[in-house]
Amino acid sequence: MTALNPVDRSERRRLRRRQETIRWSIRVLVVVVVFALGVALGQAIQDNPRPGRTVTFDQTLRIPTGGREGSTVTP
């Protein structure tokens, strides 16, 4: 087994620090993504109508006849 000189030791420390920083960054990113997904899911559940309620949509359909207003279309 060989002893490391001070330059090799400092390089290894720097490499370990960098790897540890990357690991912690990934962990924080995963926590933030999971938190954001939880908030989005909570908002989606809260925005949905409650079961048992009737939801009605009224919409008027306008069909163009191709003629002038009030005229009838003959086949």
N, C-alpha and C. Protein backbone atom coordinates (compact mmCIF):
# COMPACT_ATOMS: atom_id res chain seq x y z
N MET A 1 0.85 -1.17 0.00
CA MET A 1 0.00 0.00 0.00
C MET A 1 0.90 1.24 0.00
N THR A 2 0.55 2.19 -0.83
CA THR A 2 1.37 3.40 -0.93
C THR A 2 0.65 4.57 -0.27
N ALA A 3 1.44 5.45 0.27
CA ALA A 3 0.87 6.64 0.91
C ALA A 3 0.63 7.71 -0.16
N LEU A 4 -0.42 8.46 0.02
CA LEU A 4 -0.75 9.52 -0.93
C LEU A 4 0.00 10.80 -0.56
N ASN A 5 0.44 11.51 -1.57
CA ASN A 5 1.07 12.78 -1.28
C ASN A 5 -0.01 13.85 -1.08
N PRO A 6 0.31 14.99 -0.57
CA PRO A 6 -0.70 16.03 -0.27
C PRO A 6 -1.49 16.48 -1.49
N VAL A 7 -0.89 16.49 -2.66
CA VAL A 7 -1.62 16.90 -3.87
C VAL A 7 -2.71 15.90 -4.21
N ASP A 8 -2.38 14.60 -4.14
CA ASP A 8 -3.38 13.57 -4.43
C ASP A 8 -4.51 13.60 -3.40
N ARG A 9 -4.17 13.84 -2.16
CA ARG A 9 -5.20 13.92 -1.11
C ARG A 9 -6.16 15.07 -1.37
N SER A 10 -5.62 16.23 -1.71
CA SER A 10 -6.51 17.37 -1.96
C SER A 10 -7.37 17.14 -3.20
N GLU A 11 -6.82 16.48 -4.21
CA GLU A 11 -7.62 16.17 -5.40
C GLU A 11 -8.76 15.21 -5.05
N ARG A 12 -8.45 14.20 -4.25
CA ARG A 12 -9.49 13.26 -3.84
C ARG A 12 -10.56 13.96 -3.00
N ARG A 13 -10.14 14.85 -2.12
CA ARG A 13 -11.12 15.59 -1.31
C ARG A 13 -12.03 16.43 -2.20
N ARG A 14 -11.41 17.13 -3.17
CA ARG A 14 -12.22 17.94 -4.09
C ARG A 14 -13.21 17.08 -4.86
N LEU A 15 -12.74 15.93 -5.33
CA LEU A 15 -13.62 15.03 -6.07
C LEU A 15 -14.76 14.53 -5.19
N ARG A 16 -14.44 14.15 -3.95
CA ARG A 16 -15.49 13.69 -3.03
C ARG A 16 -16.49 14.80 -2.73
N ARG A 17 -15.99 16.03 -2.51
CA ARG A 17 -16.88 17.16 -2.25
C ARG A 17 -17.80 17.41 -3.43
N ARG A 18 -17.25 17.35 -4.63
CA ARG A 18 -18.05 17.58 -5.83
C ARG A 18 -19.11 16.50 -5.98
N GLN A 19 -18.72 15.24 -5.76
CA GLN A 19 -19.69 14.14 -5.86
C GLN A 19 -20.79 14.29 -4.80
N GLU A 20 -20.40 14.67 -3.60
CA GLU A 20 -21.38 14.84 -2.53
C GLU A 20 -22.33 15.99 -2.84
N THR A 21 -21.80 17.06 -3.41
CA THR A 21 -22.65 18.19 -3.80
C THR A 21 -23.65 17.77 -4.87
N ILE A 22 -23.19 16.98 -5.82
CA ILE A 22 -24.10 16.50 -6.87
C ILE A 22 -25.17 15.61 -6.27
N ARG A 23 -24.78 14.72 -5.36
CA ARG A 23 -25.77 13.84 -4.72
C ARG A 23 -26.82 14.64 -3.96
N TRP A 24 -26.39 15.64 -3.19
CA TRP A 24 -27.35 16.44 -2.43
C TRP A 24 -28.24 17.26 -3.36
N SER A 25 -27.68 17.74 -4.45
CA SER A 25 -28.49 18.50 -5.41
C SER A 25 -29.58 17.63 -6.01
N ILE A 26 -29.23 16.40 -6.34
CA ILE A 26 -30.23 15.47 -6.89
C ILE A 26 -31.30 15.18 -5.84
N ARG A 27 -30.90 14.98 -4.60
CA ARG A 27 -31.88 14.72 -3.54
C ARG A 27 -32.85 15.89 -3.37
N VAL A 28 -32.31 17.08 -3.34
CA VAL A 28 -33.16 18.27 -3.19
C VAL A 28 -34.10 18.40 -4.37
N LEU A 29 -33.59 18.15 -5.58
CA LEU A 29 -34.43 18.23 -6.77
C LEU A 29 -35.57 17.22 -6.71
N VAL A 30 -35.29 16.01 -6.27
CA VAL A 30 -36.33 14.99 -6.15
C VAL A 30 -37.39 15.42 -5.12
N VAL A 31 -36.96 15.96 -4.00
CA VAL A 31 -37.92 16.42 -2.98
C VAL A 31 -38.79 17.55 -3.53
N VAL A 32 -38.20 18.48 -4.26
CA VAL A 32 -38.97 19.60 -4.83
C VAL A 32 -39.98 19.08 -5.86
N VAL A 33 -39.57 18.13 -6.69
CA VAL A 33 -40.49 17.59 -7.70
C VAL A 33 -41.64 16.84 -7.03
N VAL A 34 -41.35 16.04 -6.02
CA VAL A 34 -42.41 15.31 -5.31
C VAL A 34 -43.36 16.29 -4.62
N PHE A 35 -42.82 17.34 -4.03
CA PHE A 35 -43.67 18.35 -3.39
C PHE A 35 -44.57 19.03 -4.42
N ALA A 36 -44.01 19.40 -5.58
CA ALA A 36 -44.80 20.06 -6.63
C ALA A 36 -45.89 19.13 -7.14
N LEU A 37 -45.59 17.86 -7.32
CA LEU A 37 -46.61 16.91 -7.76
C LEU A 37 -47.71 16.75 -6.70
N GLY A 38 -47.33 16.77 -5.44
CA GLY A 38 -48.33 16.68 -4.38
C GLY A 38 -49.25 17.89 -4.36
N VAL A 39 -48.68 19.07 -4.55
CA VAL A 39 -49.49 20.29 -4.60
C VAL A 39 -50.43 20.24 -5.81
N ALA A 40 -49.91 19.81 -6.95
CA ALA A 40 -50.75 19.73 -8.16
C ALA A 40 -51.87 18.72 -7.97
N LEU A 41 -51.58 17.59 -7.38
CA LEU A 41 -52.62 16.59 -7.13
C LEU A 41 -53.67 17.12 -6.15
N GLY A 42 -53.22 17.81 -5.12
CA GLY A 42 -54.18 18.39 -4.16
C GLY A 42 -55.08 19.42 -4.81
N GLN A 43 -54.52 20.25 -5.68
CA GLN A 43 -55.33 21.24 -6.39
C GLN A 43 -56.32 20.56 -7.32
N ALA A 44 -55.89 19.51 -8.00
CA ALA A 44 -56.79 18.79 -8.92
C ALA A 44 -57.93 18.13 -8.16
N ILE A 45 -57.65 17.57 -7.02
CA ILE A 45 -58.71 16.93 -6.22
C ILE A 45 -59.66 17.99 -5.68
N GLN A 46 -59.14 19.12 -5.27
CA GLN A 46 -59.98 20.18 -4.72
C GLN A 46 -60.86 20.82 -5.79
N ASP A 47 -60.37 20.91 -7.02
CA ASP A 47 -61.12 21.56 -8.09
C ASP A 47 -62.23 20.70 -8.67
N ASN A 48 -62.19 19.40 -8.48
CA ASN A 48 -63.22 18.52 -9.04
C ASN A 48 -64.53 18.72 -8.29
N PRO A 49 -65.67 18.58 -8.99
CA PRO A 49 -66.96 18.71 -8.31
C PRO A 49 -67.17 17.54 -7.35
N ARG A 50 -67.95 17.79 -6.33
CA ARG A 50 -68.21 16.74 -5.35
C ARG A 50 -69.13 15.68 -5.95
N PRO A 51 -68.95 14.42 -5.57
CA PRO A 51 -69.82 13.37 -6.10
C PRO A 51 -71.26 13.57 -5.64
N GLY A 52 -72.20 13.22 -6.49
CA GLY A 52 -73.61 13.34 -6.16
C GLY A 52 -74.23 14.62 -6.63
N ARG A 53 -73.43 15.58 -7.03
CA ARG A 53 -73.96 16.84 -7.55
C ARG A 53 -74.14 16.71 -9.06
N THR A 54 -75.19 17.36 -9.55
CA THR A 54 -75.43 17.38 -10.98
C THR A 54 -74.79 18.62 -11.57
N VAL A 55 -74.01 18.42 -12.60
CA VAL A 55 -73.36 19.53 -13.28
C VAL A 55 -73.98 19.64 -14.66
N THR A 56 -74.55 20.80 -14.96
CA THR A 56 -75.23 21.00 -16.24
C THR A 56 -74.55 22.13 -17.00
N PHE A 57 -74.34 21.89 -18.29
CA PHE A 57 -73.77 22.90 -19.16
C PHE A 57 -74.81 23.27 -20.20
N ASP A 58 -75.11 24.56 -20.33
CA ASP A 58 -76.04 25.04 -21.35
C ASP A 58 -75.23 25.75 -22.42
N GLN A 59 -75.46 25.35 -23.67
CA GLN A 59 -74.75 25.99 -24.76
C GLN A 59 -75.68 26.00 -25.97
N THR A 60 -75.80 27.15 -26.61
CA THR A 60 -76.63 27.27 -27.80
C THR A 60 -75.79 26.99 -29.03
N LEU A 61 -76.29 26.10 -29.87
CA LEU A 61 -75.60 25.79 -31.11
C LEU A 61 -76.19 26.63 -32.23
N ARG A 62 -75.37 27.27 -32.97
CA ARG A 62 -75.81 28.08 -34.10
C ARG A 62 -75.33 27.42 -35.38
N ILE A 63 -76.28 27.04 -36.21
CA ILE A 63 -75.94 26.36 -37.46
C ILE A 63 -76.13 27.35 -38.60
N PRO A 64 -75.08 27.61 -39.35
CA PRO A 64 -75.22 28.54 -40.49
C PRO A 64 -76.07 27.91 -41.59
N THR A 65 -77.05 28.69 -42.09
CA THR A 65 -77.95 28.15 -43.11
C THR A 65 -77.46 28.47 -44.52
N GLY A 66 -76.56 29.39 -44.64
CA GLY A 66 -76.05 29.73 -45.96
C GLY A 66 -76.89 30.78 -46.67
N GLY A 67 -78.09 31.03 -46.22
CA GLY A 67 -78.97 32.03 -46.83
C GLY A 67 -79.04 33.27 -45.98
N ARG A 68 -79.98 34.13 -46.33
CA ARG A 68 -80.13 35.33 -45.53
C ARG A 68 -80.92 35.01 -44.27
N GLU A 69 -80.85 35.89 -43.30
CA GLU A 69 -81.49 35.71 -42.01
C GLU A 69 -82.98 35.50 -42.17
N GLY A 70 -83.56 34.47 -41.55
CA GLY A 70 -84.98 34.24 -41.57
C GLY A 70 -85.47 33.45 -42.77
N SER A 71 -84.61 33.13 -43.71
CA SER A 71 -85.07 32.37 -44.89
C SER A 71 -84.97 30.88 -44.62
N THR A 72 -85.70 30.12 -45.39
CA THR A 72 -85.63 28.67 -45.27
C THR A 72 -84.81 28.10 -46.40
N VAL A 73 -84.21 26.98 -46.14
CA VAL A 73 -83.37 26.33 -47.16
C VAL A 73 -84.21 25.26 -47.80
N THR A 74 -84.33 25.28 -49.13
CA THR A 74 -85.09 24.26 -49.84
C THR A 74 -84.12 23.25 -50.45
N PRO A 75 -84.43 22.01 -50.33
CA PRO A 75 -83.53 20.98 -50.89
C PRO A 75 -83.58 20.93 -52.40
